Amino acid sequence: MSDGTQADGPRSDPSTGGTARHAVVVGGGLAGVTTALALADAGVRVTLLEGRPRLGGLAFSFQRGDLTVDNGQHVYLRCCTAYRWFLDRIGGTALAPLQDRLDVPVLDANRPEGRRLGRLRRDPLPVPLHLGRSLATYPHLSLAERAKVGRAALALKGLDLGDPALDTQDFGSWLAAHGQSARAVEALWDLVGVATLNAVAGDSSLALAAMVFKTGLLSDPGAADIGWAHVPLGELHDRLARKELDSAGVRTEVRTRVTSVSTDENGRLRVQVPGEILEADAVVLAVPQHEAHELLPEGALDAPEQLLAIDTSPILNVHVVYDRKVLARPFFAALGSPVQWVFDRTDASGLKDGQYLALSQSAAHEEIDRTVAELRERYLPELERLLPGARGARVQDFFVTRERTATFAPAPGVGRLRPGARTKAPGLYLAGAWTATGWPATMESAVRSGVSAADAALAALGRPRPRRLFEFEEAA
């Protein structure tokens, strides 16, 4: 790095009659990339700084021999309008398609073979009738439990997401108070909630859980249709994202760690990196909450220590390569087993022979530090129990990826700790899935935070919002 301007020199800003305003975005995950694209689309000169050698944050890919491996399985829903906007903005929509209609195979390992499969799928009917037939025939709950689930869903639909009292309660206690058995929590509420919240119901804020279920299952018939990348995540969040950043004129620097953010005597922001100081009219910290705390100038937040009180939750990913095909469907969820969700990543990884399965294990506090040998001993027999085809198959590779701080913990009370995009330091903004988006820590939340940070910065800079942001809001 040499100076604080782009190689082709500063651009003219017709609205000011001088040099284009300069913004520095710290962090190249989905929040940072979104912020940078939105600012650049509005005519702001942008420098994006990322400490890692790649973009994508915690949704990335790496090479393992001939395999291209995602660090973890990431999915999104049709109701994730911000992430869908992001995919469209980088030209990746066709590479991460949605299901035509929600359909989740659920295997119960404790039921006799031949009777293990249940399905959660929707019909082309209005809410809540769209899930009525699926719930009525769901074999993993008794008839009485299914009826009580329906009543709880209607009660959930009636909750006011704007009520701050919801954040003080835990979802598990609310479910128990509304007649939900331990089996109903396991076979339905946690089946969905653990994957989206990264916590079991008893450890989840009622506000965040209600938001997930109301938005995903009780808002629009197609809201919960599932989408996922059919290519490596790096193809989307790194290669395509970087291509669009380059096209927008963003200066992107990887392997560049920011050491401090400060304000000079003239009130201009200064971003320190090794060997260089960048001056900026706006700075967006799109980094994890603990890193943001370290970089915040004094007085930027009334209670900066609250960022350190936002706890984290781990995700463990188990990767198994078999010498033959053992799973006929693209994915399934499991009950009665430590296995949670299993996805077929064969084609996306570039594997030519055999089958590559990725197990996504959320809220993995008890397993995140287990050795590979221990995890192999635990999960291979479980896959054989769930998948008859795995019993005669040879395991060609077994490895794990660990994200110890994968998401913020959605515990009761976390809502009051999550800051908005604006800080008290003029020109300094925050972005990240952990900020006050109203969503749990998802790709959707990350993109929404980037839109909010860019919107706040553009308003302060006197720049018009790019039309593309309005397209996202219309989709929402």
Protein backbone atom coordinates (compact mmCIF):
# COMPACT_ATOMS: atom_id res chain seq x y z
CA MET A 1 0.00 0.00 0.00
CA SER A 2 1.28 3.44 -0.79
CA ASP A 3 -1.21 6.25 -0.29
CA GLY A 4 -4.81 6.94 0.59
CA THR A 5 -6.07 7.46 -2.98
CA GLN A 6 -6.96 5.01 -5.72
CA ALA A 7 -4.38 4.24 -8.35
CA ASP A 8 -6.33 6.14 -11.00
CA GLY A 9 -6.52 9.22 -8.75
CA PRO A 10 -9.42 10.84 -6.93
CA ARG A 11 -12.70 11.18 -8.79
CA SER A 12 -14.56 14.42 -9.19
CA ASP A 13 -17.73 14.83 -7.16
CA PRO A 14 -20.22 17.01 -9.08
CA SER A 15 -22.32 17.59 -5.94
CA THR A 16 -19.45 19.29 -4.12
CA GLY A 17 -17.52 20.67 -7.06
CA GLY A 18 -14.38 19.01 -5.76
CA THR A 19 -12.82 15.68 -4.92
CA ALA A 20 -15.16 12.77 -4.22
CA ARG A 21 -15.83 12.06 -0.57
CA HIS A 22 -13.70 9.18 0.74
CA ALA A 23 -14.99 6.35 2.90
CA VAL A 24 -12.98 3.56 4.49
CA VAL A 25 -14.73 0.28 5.24
CA VAL A 26 -12.92 -1.95 7.74
CA GLY A 27 -13.81 -5.60 7.21
CA GLY A 28 -14.47 -7.58 4.04
CA GLY A 29 -17.26 -9.88 5.16
CA LEU A 30 -20.79 -9.60 3.80
CA ALA A 31 -21.48 -6.48 5.88
CA GLY A 32 -18.34 -4.72 4.68
CA VAL A 33 -18.73 -5.69 1.03
CA THR A 34 -22.36 -4.55 1.08
CA THR A 35 -21.39 -1.22 2.64
CA ALA A 36 -18.61 -0.66 0.13
CA LEU A 37 -20.80 -1.46 -2.88
CA ALA A 38 -23.64 0.76 -1.65
CA LEU A 39 -21.31 3.70 -1.02
CA ALA A 40 -19.55 3.29 -4.34
CA ASP A 41 -22.87 3.05 -6.16
CA ALA A 42 -23.67 6.48 -4.70
CA GLY A 43 -20.46 8.00 -6.06
CA VAL A 44 -18.34 7.84 -2.90
CA ARG A 45 -14.67 6.90 -3.25
CA VAL A 46 -14.23 3.76 -1.15
CA THR A 47 -11.30 1.85 0.31
CA LEU A 48 -12.11 -1.60 1.70
CA LEU A 49 -9.61 -3.11 4.15
CA GLU A 50 -9.62 -6.78 5.13
CA GLY A 51 -7.10 -8.50 7.40
CA ARG A 52 -7.59 -11.96 5.88
CA PRO A 53 -6.22 -12.92 2.44
CA ARG A 54 -9.78 -13.12 1.07
CA LEU A 55 -13.23 -11.58 1.28
CA GLY A 56 -16.32 -13.29 2.65
CA GLY A 57 -15.83 -13.15 6.42
CA LEU A 58 -17.14 -16.32 8.06
CA ALA A 59 -18.75 -17.64 4.86
CA PHE A 60 -15.77 -18.70 2.76
CA SER A 61 -14.08 -21.57 0.92
CA PHE A 62 -10.64 -23.16 0.94
CA GLN A 63 -8.79 -25.91 -0.91
CA ARG A 64 -8.18 -29.36 0.51
CA GLY A 65 -6.36 -31.31 -2.16
CA ASP A 66 -8.67 -31.38 -5.17
CA LEU A 67 -11.71 -30.41 -3.07
CA THR A 68 -13.03 -26.88 -2.75
CA VAL A 69 -14.47 -26.84 0.76
CA ASP A 70 -16.84 -24.35 2.38
CA ASN A 71 -15.94 -23.67 6.00
CA GLY A 72 -19.58 -24.40 6.84
CA GLN A 73 -22.95 -24.95 5.24
CA HIS A 74 -24.82 -21.66 4.86
CA VAL A 75 -28.43 -21.38 3.71
CA TYR A 76 -30.88 -18.55 3.31
CA LEU A 77 -34.66 -18.27 2.97
CA ARG A 78 -36.91 -16.58 0.45
CA CYS A 79 -37.76 -14.00 3.12
CA CYS A 80 -34.07 -12.98 3.23
CA THR A 81 -34.64 -10.09 0.84
CA ALA A 82 -31.40 -8.29 1.68
CA TYR A 83 -29.19 -11.31 0.97
CA ARG A 84 -31.14 -11.97 -2.22
CA TRP A 85 -30.48 -8.35 -3.19
CA PHE A 86 -26.79 -8.93 -2.48
CA LEU A 87 -26.72 -12.04 -4.67
CA ASP A 88 -28.35 -10.09 -7.47
CA ARG A 89 -25.92 -7.18 -7.00
CA ILE A 90 -22.90 -9.45 -7.45
CA GLY A 91 -24.47 -11.51 -10.24
CA GLY A 92 -24.75 -14.68 -8.16
CA THR A 93 -28.49 -15.36 -7.96
CA ALA A 94 -28.43 -18.30 -10.38
CA LEU A 95 -25.58 -19.90 -8.42
CA ALA A 96 -27.55 -20.05 -5.15
CA PRO A 97 -31.10 -20.97 -6.19
CA LEU A 98 -34.12 -21.31 -3.93
CA GLN A 99 -36.34 -24.36 -3.64
CA ASP A 100 -39.52 -24.10 -5.70
CA ARG A 101 -41.35 -24.91 -2.49
CA LEU A 102 -40.26 -25.56 1.10
CA ASP A 103 -39.52 -29.27 1.55
CA VAL A 104 -37.37 -30.51 4.44
CA PRO A 105 -36.85 -34.27 4.85
CA VAL A 106 -36.58 -35.15 8.56
CA LEU A 107 -35.18 -38.56 9.56
CA ASP A 108 -35.75 -39.89 13.08
CA ALA A 109 -32.96 -42.33 13.92
CA ASN A 110 -34.99 -43.87 16.74
CA ARG A 111 -37.85 -45.02 14.53
CA PRO A 112 -37.78 -48.36 12.67
CA GLU A 113 -36.22 -48.27 9.21
CA GLY A 114 -38.86 -47.62 6.61
CA ARG A 115 -40.78 -45.36 8.99
CA ARG A 116 -38.11 -42.79 9.75
CA LEU A 117 -38.93 -40.15 7.16
CA GLY A 118 -41.14 -37.17 7.85
CA ARG A 119 -41.36 -34.00 5.81
CA LEU A 120 -41.95 -30.35 6.55
CA ARG A 121 -43.28 -28.83 3.34
CA ARG A 122 -45.74 -26.22 2.27
CA ASP A 123 -48.77 -26.21 0.03
CA PRO A 124 -49.79 -23.36 -2.32
CA LEU A 125 -52.28 -22.00 0.22
CA PRO A 126 -52.50 -18.83 2.33
CA VAL A 127 -50.80 -18.56 5.73
CA PRO A 128 -51.24 -20.54 8.00
CA LEU A 129 -52.99 -23.14 5.83
CA HIS A 130 -49.82 -23.53 3.74
CA LEU A 131 -48.32 -25.71 6.50
CA GLY A 132 -51.55 -27.31 7.69
CA ARG A 133 -51.34 -30.59 5.80
CA SER A 134 -47.63 -30.99 6.59
CA LEU A 135 -48.22 -30.49 10.30
CA ALA A 136 -51.29 -32.73 10.34
CA THR A 137 -49.30 -35.62 8.84
CA TYR A 138 -45.93 -35.01 10.52
CA PRO A 139 -45.10 -38.46 11.94
CA HIS A 140 -42.56 -37.30 14.50
CA LEU A 141 -45.24 -35.76 16.75
CA SER A 142 -48.37 -37.26 18.27
CA LEU A 143 -51.78 -36.03 17.21
CA ALA A 144 -52.13 -34.09 20.48
CA GLU A 145 -48.68 -32.53 20.06
CA ARG A 146 -49.52 -31.43 16.51
CA ALA A 147 -52.69 -29.72 17.70
CA LYS A 148 -50.78 -27.89 20.43
CA VAL A 149 -48.12 -26.82 17.92
CA GLY A 150 -50.84 -25.19 15.85
CA ARG A 151 -52.15 -23.26 18.83
CA ALA A 152 -48.64 -22.13 19.81
CA ALA A 153 -47.99 -20.97 16.25
CA LEU A 154 -51.10 -18.81 16.33
CA ALA A 155 -50.01 -17.34 19.68
CA LEU A 156 -46.57 -16.66 18.23
CA LYS A 157 -48.13 -14.94 15.24
CA GLY A 158 -49.91 -12.58 17.62
CA LEU A 159 -46.73 -11.37 19.36
CA ASP A 160 -45.65 -7.79 18.76
CA LEU A 161 -42.01 -7.87 17.59
CA GLY A 162 -41.67 -4.24 18.67
CA ASP A 163 -42.33 -5.11 22.32
CA PRO A 164 -38.98 -4.83 24.17
CA ALA A 165 -40.26 -7.20 26.87
CA LEU A 166 -39.89 -10.10 24.43
CA ASP A 167 -36.12 -9.76 24.57
CA THR A 168 -36.13 -10.36 28.33
CA GLN A 169 -37.77 -13.79 28.01
CA ASP A 170 -36.38 -17.08 26.73
CA PHE A 171 -38.12 -18.96 23.95
CA GLY A 172 -38.03 -22.31 25.76
CA SER A 173 -40.04 -21.03 28.72
CA TRP A 174 -42.55 -19.42 26.38
CA LEU A 175 -42.97 -22.72 24.49
CA ALA A 176 -43.48 -24.65 27.72
CA ALA A 177 -46.07 -22.12 28.86
CA HIS A 178 -47.89 -22.69 25.58
CA GLY A 179 -48.14 -26.45 25.98
CA GLN A 180 -45.13 -27.56 23.96
CA SER A 181 -43.67 -30.90 25.06
CA ALA A 182 -39.95 -31.67 25.07
CA ARG A 183 -40.56 -33.82 22.00
CA ALA A 184 -42.29 -30.97 20.14
CA VAL A 185 -39.38 -28.67 20.94
CA GLU A 186 -36.88 -31.23 19.65
CA ALA A 187 -38.79 -32.35 16.57
CA LEU A 188 -39.99 -28.96 15.37
CA TRP A 189 -39.08 -25.78 17.22
CA ASP A 190 -35.40 -26.57 17.78
CA LEU A 191 -35.13 -28.31 14.43
CA VAL A 192 -35.65 -24.89 12.86
CA GLY A 193 -34.49 -22.65 15.70
CA VAL A 194 -31.07 -24.15 16.36
CA ALA A 195 -30.15 -23.86 12.69
CA THR A 196 -31.28 -20.23 12.41
CA LEU A 197 -30.50 -18.90 15.90
CA ASN A 198 -27.46 -21.06 16.75
CA ALA A 199 -28.97 -21.78 20.17
CA VAL A 200 -31.57 -24.10 21.67
CA ALA A 201 -34.92 -22.62 22.61
CA GLY A 202 -34.07 -22.29 26.29
CA ASP A 203 -31.00 -20.19 25.46
CA SER A 204 -32.72 -17.97 22.88
CA SER A 205 -34.32 -14.57 23.21
CA LEU A 206 -38.06 -14.78 22.61
CA ALA A 207 -37.75 -11.63 20.50
CA LEU A 208 -35.31 -13.21 18.05
CA ALA A 209 -37.09 -16.57 17.99
CA ALA A 210 -40.45 -14.91 17.35
CA MET A 211 -38.89 -12.88 14.57
CA VAL A 212 -37.53 -16.04 12.91
CA PHE A 213 -40.76 -18.01 13.08
CA LYS A 214 -43.11 -15.11 12.31
CA THR A 215 -41.06 -13.96 9.32
CA GLY A 216 -40.08 -17.38 7.99
CA LEU A 217 -43.19 -19.46 8.61
CA LEU A 218 -46.08 -17.13 9.38
CA SER A 219 -45.71 -14.13 7.04
CA ASP A 220 -45.89 -15.35 3.44
CA PRO A 221 -46.47 -18.87 2.11
CA GLY A 222 -43.10 -18.99 0.35
CA ALA A 223 -41.07 -17.15 3.00
CA ALA A 224 -39.31 -20.27 4.32
CA ASP A 225 -38.32 -21.77 0.97
CA ILE A 226 -34.63 -22.67 1.34
CA GLY A 227 -31.76 -21.54 -0.87
CA TRP A 228 -28.08 -22.45 -0.77
CA ALA A 229 -24.99 -22.05 -2.91
CA HIS A 230 -24.51 -24.71 -5.56
CA VAL A 231 -20.95 -23.45 -6.00
CA PRO A 232 -18.26 -22.84 -3.37
CA LEU A 233 -19.04 -19.84 -1.17
CA GLY A 234 -15.76 -18.28 -2.24
CA GLU A 235 -17.10 -18.06 -5.77
CA LEU A 236 -19.86 -15.79 -4.49
CA HIS A 237 -18.50 -13.90 -1.51
CA ASP A 238 -14.93 -13.50 -2.74
CA ARG A 239 -14.53 -13.80 -6.52
CA LEU A 240 -17.83 -12.33 -7.69
CA ALA A 241 -17.90 -9.79 -4.86
CA ARG A 242 -14.38 -8.61 -5.68
CA LYS A 243 -15.26 -8.36 -9.36
CA GLU A 244 -18.17 -6.07 -8.55
CA LEU A 245 -16.09 -4.03 -6.11
CA ASP A 246 -13.47 -3.53 -8.82
CA SER A 247 -16.13 -2.53 -11.34
CA ALA A 248 -17.56 -0.02 -8.86
CA GLY A 249 -14.12 1.55 -8.39
CA VAL A 250 -13.56 0.32 -4.84
CA ARG A 251 -9.94 0.00 -3.79
CA THR A 252 -9.80 -3.39 -2.03
CA GLU A 253 -6.84 -4.32 0.15
CA VAL A 254 -6.60 -7.77 1.76
CA ARG A 255 -3.99 -8.91 4.29
CA THR A 256 -4.29 -5.38 5.68
CA ARG A 257 -5.11 -5.12 9.36
CA VAL A 258 -6.31 -1.83 10.80
CA THR A 259 -4.53 -0.94 14.04
CA SER A 260 -6.42 2.22 15.06
CA VAL A 261 -9.15 4.68 14.13
CA SER A 262 -8.87 8.24 15.39
CA THR A 263 -9.91 11.81 14.69
CA ASP A 264 -7.39 14.55 13.86
CA GLU A 265 -7.49 18.15 15.11
CA ASN A 266 -9.73 19.11 12.19
CA GLY A 267 -12.27 16.42 12.97
CA ARG A 268 -11.25 14.25 10.01
CA LEU A 269 -11.11 10.49 10.57
CA ARG A 270 -7.77 8.70 10.31
CA VAL A 271 -7.39 4.97 9.79
CA GLN A 272 -4.00 3.50 10.68
CA VAL A 273 -2.67 0.42 8.87
CA PRO A 274 0.93 -0.79 8.81
CA GLY A 275 2.94 1.81 6.93
CA GLU A 276 0.08 4.12 6.07
CA ILE A 277 -2.58 6.44 7.45
CA LEU A 278 -5.77 6.84 5.43
CA GLU A 279 -7.85 9.98 5.89
CA ALA A 280 -11.57 9.60 5.41
CA ASP A 281 -14.85 11.48 5.54
CA ALA A 282 -16.58 8.34 6.76
CA VAL A 283 -15.40 5.09 8.35
CA VAL A 284 -17.47 1.96 8.76
CA LEU A 285 -16.31 -0.71 11.19
CA ALA A 286 -17.70 -3.93 9.70
CA VAL A 287 -15.84 -6.29 12.01
CA PRO A 288 -16.84 -8.58 14.92
CA GLN A 289 -18.02 -6.84 18.06
CA HIS A 290 -14.87 -7.47 20.10
CA GLU A 291 -12.67 -6.10 17.30
CA ALA A 292 -14.96 -3.10 16.90
CA HIS A 293 -14.59 -2.41 20.62
CA GLU A 294 -10.80 -2.32 20.24
CA LEU A 295 -10.99 0.17 17.35
CA LEU A 296 -13.66 2.54 18.68
CA PRO A 297 -12.35 6.03 19.49
CA GLU A 298 -13.12 7.24 22.99
CA GLY A 299 -16.67 8.58 23.31
CA ALA A 300 -17.96 6.87 20.18
CA LEU A 301 -20.51 4.89 22.22
CA ASP A 302 -22.04 5.70 25.60
CA ALA A 303 -21.36 2.19 26.89
CA PRO A 304 -18.73 0.52 24.68
CA GLU A 305 -18.34 -2.27 27.21
CA GLN A 306 -21.73 -3.57 26.07
CA LEU A 307 -20.05 -4.84 22.90
CA LEU A 308 -17.91 -7.14 25.05
CA ALA A 309 -21.07 -8.43 26.75
CA ILE A 310 -22.42 -9.76 23.44
CA ASP A 311 -21.38 -13.39 23.78
CA THR A 312 -20.63 -15.76 20.90
CA SER A 313 -21.82 -19.23 19.94
CA PRO A 314 -19.87 -21.90 18.00
CA ILE A 315 -20.67 -23.99 14.94
CA LEU A 316 -18.91 -27.26 14.18
CA ASN A 317 -18.82 -28.64 10.64
CA VAL A 318 -18.04 -32.29 9.97
CA HIS A 319 -16.94 -33.25 6.45
CA VAL A 320 -17.09 -36.84 5.19
CA VAL A 321 -16.07 -38.11 1.75
CA TYR A 322 -17.35 -41.58 0.82
CA ASP A 323 -16.24 -43.77 -2.07
CA ARG A 324 -19.83 -44.04 -3.33
CA LYS A 325 -23.18 -42.27 -3.18
CA VAL A 326 -24.88 -42.83 0.18
CA LEU A 327 -27.48 -40.02 0.16
CA ALA A 328 -30.02 -39.62 -2.64
CA ARG A 329 -31.47 -36.24 -1.60
CA PRO A 330 -29.68 -32.87 -1.49
CA PHE A 331 -30.05 -32.54 2.29
CA PHE A 332 -31.92 -33.73 5.35
CA ALA A 333 -32.35 -32.92 9.04
CA ALA A 334 -32.07 -35.54 11.76
CA LEU A 335 -33.79 -36.32 15.06
CA GLY A 336 -32.76 -38.82 17.74
CA SER A 337 -29.12 -38.32 16.82
CA PRO A 338 -26.32 -35.84 17.45
CA VAL A 339 -26.44 -35.21 13.70
CA GLN A 340 -28.40 -32.03 12.92
CA TRP A 341 -28.36 -31.14 9.20
CA VAL A 342 -26.56 -32.98 6.38
CA PHE A 343 -25.92 -31.56 2.91
CA ASP A 344 -24.56 -33.15 -0.25
CA ARG A 345 -21.63 -30.96 -1.36
CA THR A 346 -20.27 -33.33 -4.02
CA ASP A 347 -20.83 -31.25 -7.14
CA ALA A 348 -20.07 -27.90 -5.49
CA SER A 349 -16.73 -29.16 -4.19
CA GLY A 350 -15.57 -30.52 -7.55
CA LEU A 351 -15.46 -34.13 -6.34
CA LYS A 352 -15.49 -36.47 -9.35
CA ASP A 353 -16.04 -39.85 -7.69
CA GLY A 354 -17.95 -40.83 -4.56
CA GLN A 355 -19.96 -38.43 -2.40
CA TYR A 356 -19.04 -35.58 -0.05
CA LEU A 357 -21.40 -34.86 2.85
CA ALA A 358 -21.17 -31.81 5.12
CA LEU A 359 -22.75 -31.93 8.58
CA SER A 360 -23.66 -28.58 10.08
CA GLN A 361 -23.72 -28.72 13.89
CA SER A 362 -24.98 -25.50 15.45
CA ALA A 363 -24.75 -24.51 19.14
CA ALA A 364 -21.85 -26.98 19.37
CA HIS A 365 -20.53 -25.85 22.76
CA GLU A 366 -19.89 -29.40 23.99
CA GLU A 367 -18.18 -30.60 20.81
CA ILE A 368 -16.26 -27.65 19.38
CA ASP A 369 -12.99 -28.68 21.07
CA ARG A 370 -13.24 -32.44 20.65
CA THR A 371 -10.46 -34.07 18.67
CA VAL A 372 -10.97 -35.21 15.10
CA ALA A 373 -10.63 -38.82 16.28
CA GLU A 374 -13.38 -38.35 18.87
CA LEU A 375 -15.66 -36.71 16.33
CA ARG A 376 -15.00 -39.46 13.80
CA GLU A 377 -15.91 -42.09 16.39
CA ARG A 378 -19.08 -40.17 17.22
CA TYR A 379 -20.41 -39.24 13.79
CA LEU A 380 -19.54 -42.04 11.38
CA PRO A 381 -21.71 -44.60 13.26
CA GLU A 382 -24.52 -42.04 13.37
CA LEU A 383 -24.38 -41.57 9.61
CA GLU A 384 -24.49 -45.34 9.17
CA ARG A 385 -27.50 -45.47 11.48
CA LEU A 386 -29.30 -42.79 9.45
CA LEU A 387 -28.15 -43.79 5.97
CA PRO A 388 -28.17 -47.52 5.12
CA GLY A 389 -25.99 -46.81 2.07
CA ALA A 390 -23.17 -45.60 4.30
CA ARG A 391 -22.83 -48.97 6.03
CA GLY A 392 -20.86 -50.60 3.24
CA ALA A 393 -19.13 -47.48 2.01
CA ARG A 394 -15.47 -46.65 2.56
CA VAL A 395 -14.61 -43.30 4.13
CA GLN A 396 -11.99 -41.66 1.93
CA ASP A 397 -11.62 -38.49 3.98
CA PHE A 398 -12.90 -37.16 7.29
CA PHE A 399 -12.12 -33.68 8.59
CA VAL A 400 -13.71 -30.88 10.59
CA THR A 401 -13.88 -27.10 10.45
CA ARG A 402 -14.56 -25.11 13.59
CA GLU A 403 -15.95 -21.63 13.98
CA ARG A 404 -15.70 -20.99 17.72
CA THR A 405 -17.19 -17.51 17.41
CA ALA A 406 -19.47 -18.23 14.46
CA THR A 407 -22.33 -15.98 15.60
CA PHE A 408 -23.36 -13.78 18.45
CA ALA A 409 -25.28 -15.70 21.10
CA PRO A 410 -29.00 -14.84 20.82
CA ALA A 411 -29.50 -14.94 24.58
CA PRO A 412 -32.30 -13.08 26.35
CA GLY A 413 -31.26 -9.46 26.84
CA VAL A 414 -28.93 -9.33 23.83
CA GLY A 415 -31.23 -6.88 22.07
CA ARG A 416 -30.35 -4.02 24.42
CA LEU A 417 -26.64 -4.65 23.80
CA ARG A 418 -26.74 -4.47 20.01
CA PRO A 419 -25.87 -0.95 18.76
CA GLY A 420 -27.29 0.73 15.69
CA ALA A 421 -25.26 1.87 12.70
CA ARG A 422 -24.57 5.38 14.00
CA THR A 423 -22.07 6.25 16.71
CA LYS A 424 -21.44 9.52 18.57
CA ALA A 425 -18.21 10.04 16.63
CA PRO A 426 -19.07 12.07 13.50
CA GLY A 427 -18.52 10.01 10.37
CA LEU A 428 -18.03 6.69 12.20
CA TYR A 429 -20.52 3.86 11.68
CA LEU A 430 -20.92 0.20 12.66
CA ALA A 431 -21.94 -2.80 10.58
CA GLY A 432 -22.07 -6.52 11.19
CA ALA A 433 -24.66 -9.22 11.83
CA TRP A 434 -24.30 -8.44 15.57
CA THR A 435 -25.61 -4.88 15.23
CA ALA A 436 -29.27 -3.93 15.75
CA THR A 437 -30.81 -5.37 12.60
CA GLY A 438 -33.65 -7.19 14.36
CA TRP A 439 -32.38 -10.47 12.85
CA PRO A 440 -30.25 -13.20 14.41
CA ALA A 441 -26.67 -13.64 13.21
CA THR A 442 -27.30 -14.66 9.61
CA MET A 443 -26.08 -13.63 6.17
CA GLU A 444 -29.30 -11.64 5.95
CA SER A 445 -28.46 -9.71 9.09
CA ALA A 446 -24.95 -8.98 7.82
CA VAL A 447 -26.21 -7.53 4.54
CA ARG A 448 -28.95 -5.52 6.27
CA SER A 449 -26.35 -4.02 8.58
CA GLY A 450 -24.24 -2.98 5.61
CA VAL A 451 -27.22 -1.28 3.98
CA SER A 452 -27.99 0.56 7.23
CA ALA A 453 -24.40 1.72 7.69
CA ALA A 454 -24.15 2.92 4.09
CA ASP A 455 -27.50 4.68 4.37
CA ALA A 456 -26.38 6.52 7.51
CA ALA A 457 -23.05 7.50 5.96
CA LEU A 458 -24.67 8.74 2.74
CA ALA A 459 -27.11 10.89 4.68
CA ALA A 460 -24.25 12.52 6.59
CA LEU A 461 -22.21 12.99 3.41
CA GLY A 462 -25.16 14.55 1.60
CA ARG A 463 -25.10 11.90 -1.08
CA PRO A 464 -28.28 10.50 -2.68
CA ARG A 465 -29.01 6.87 -2.03
CA PRO A 466 -28.39 4.59 -5.01
CA ARG A 467 -31.53 3.30 -6.66
CA ARG A 468 -30.42 -0.28 -6.05
CA LEU A 469 -31.01 0.16 -2.31
CA PHE A 470 -34.60 1.11 -2.98
CA GLU A 471 -34.94 -2.09 -4.99
CA PHE A 472 -33.95 -4.05 -1.88
CA GLU A 473 -36.54 -2.22 0.23
CA GLU A 474 -39.24 -2.85 -2.36
CA ALA A 475 -38.37 -6.55 -2.28
CA ALA A 476 -38.65 -6.48 1.51
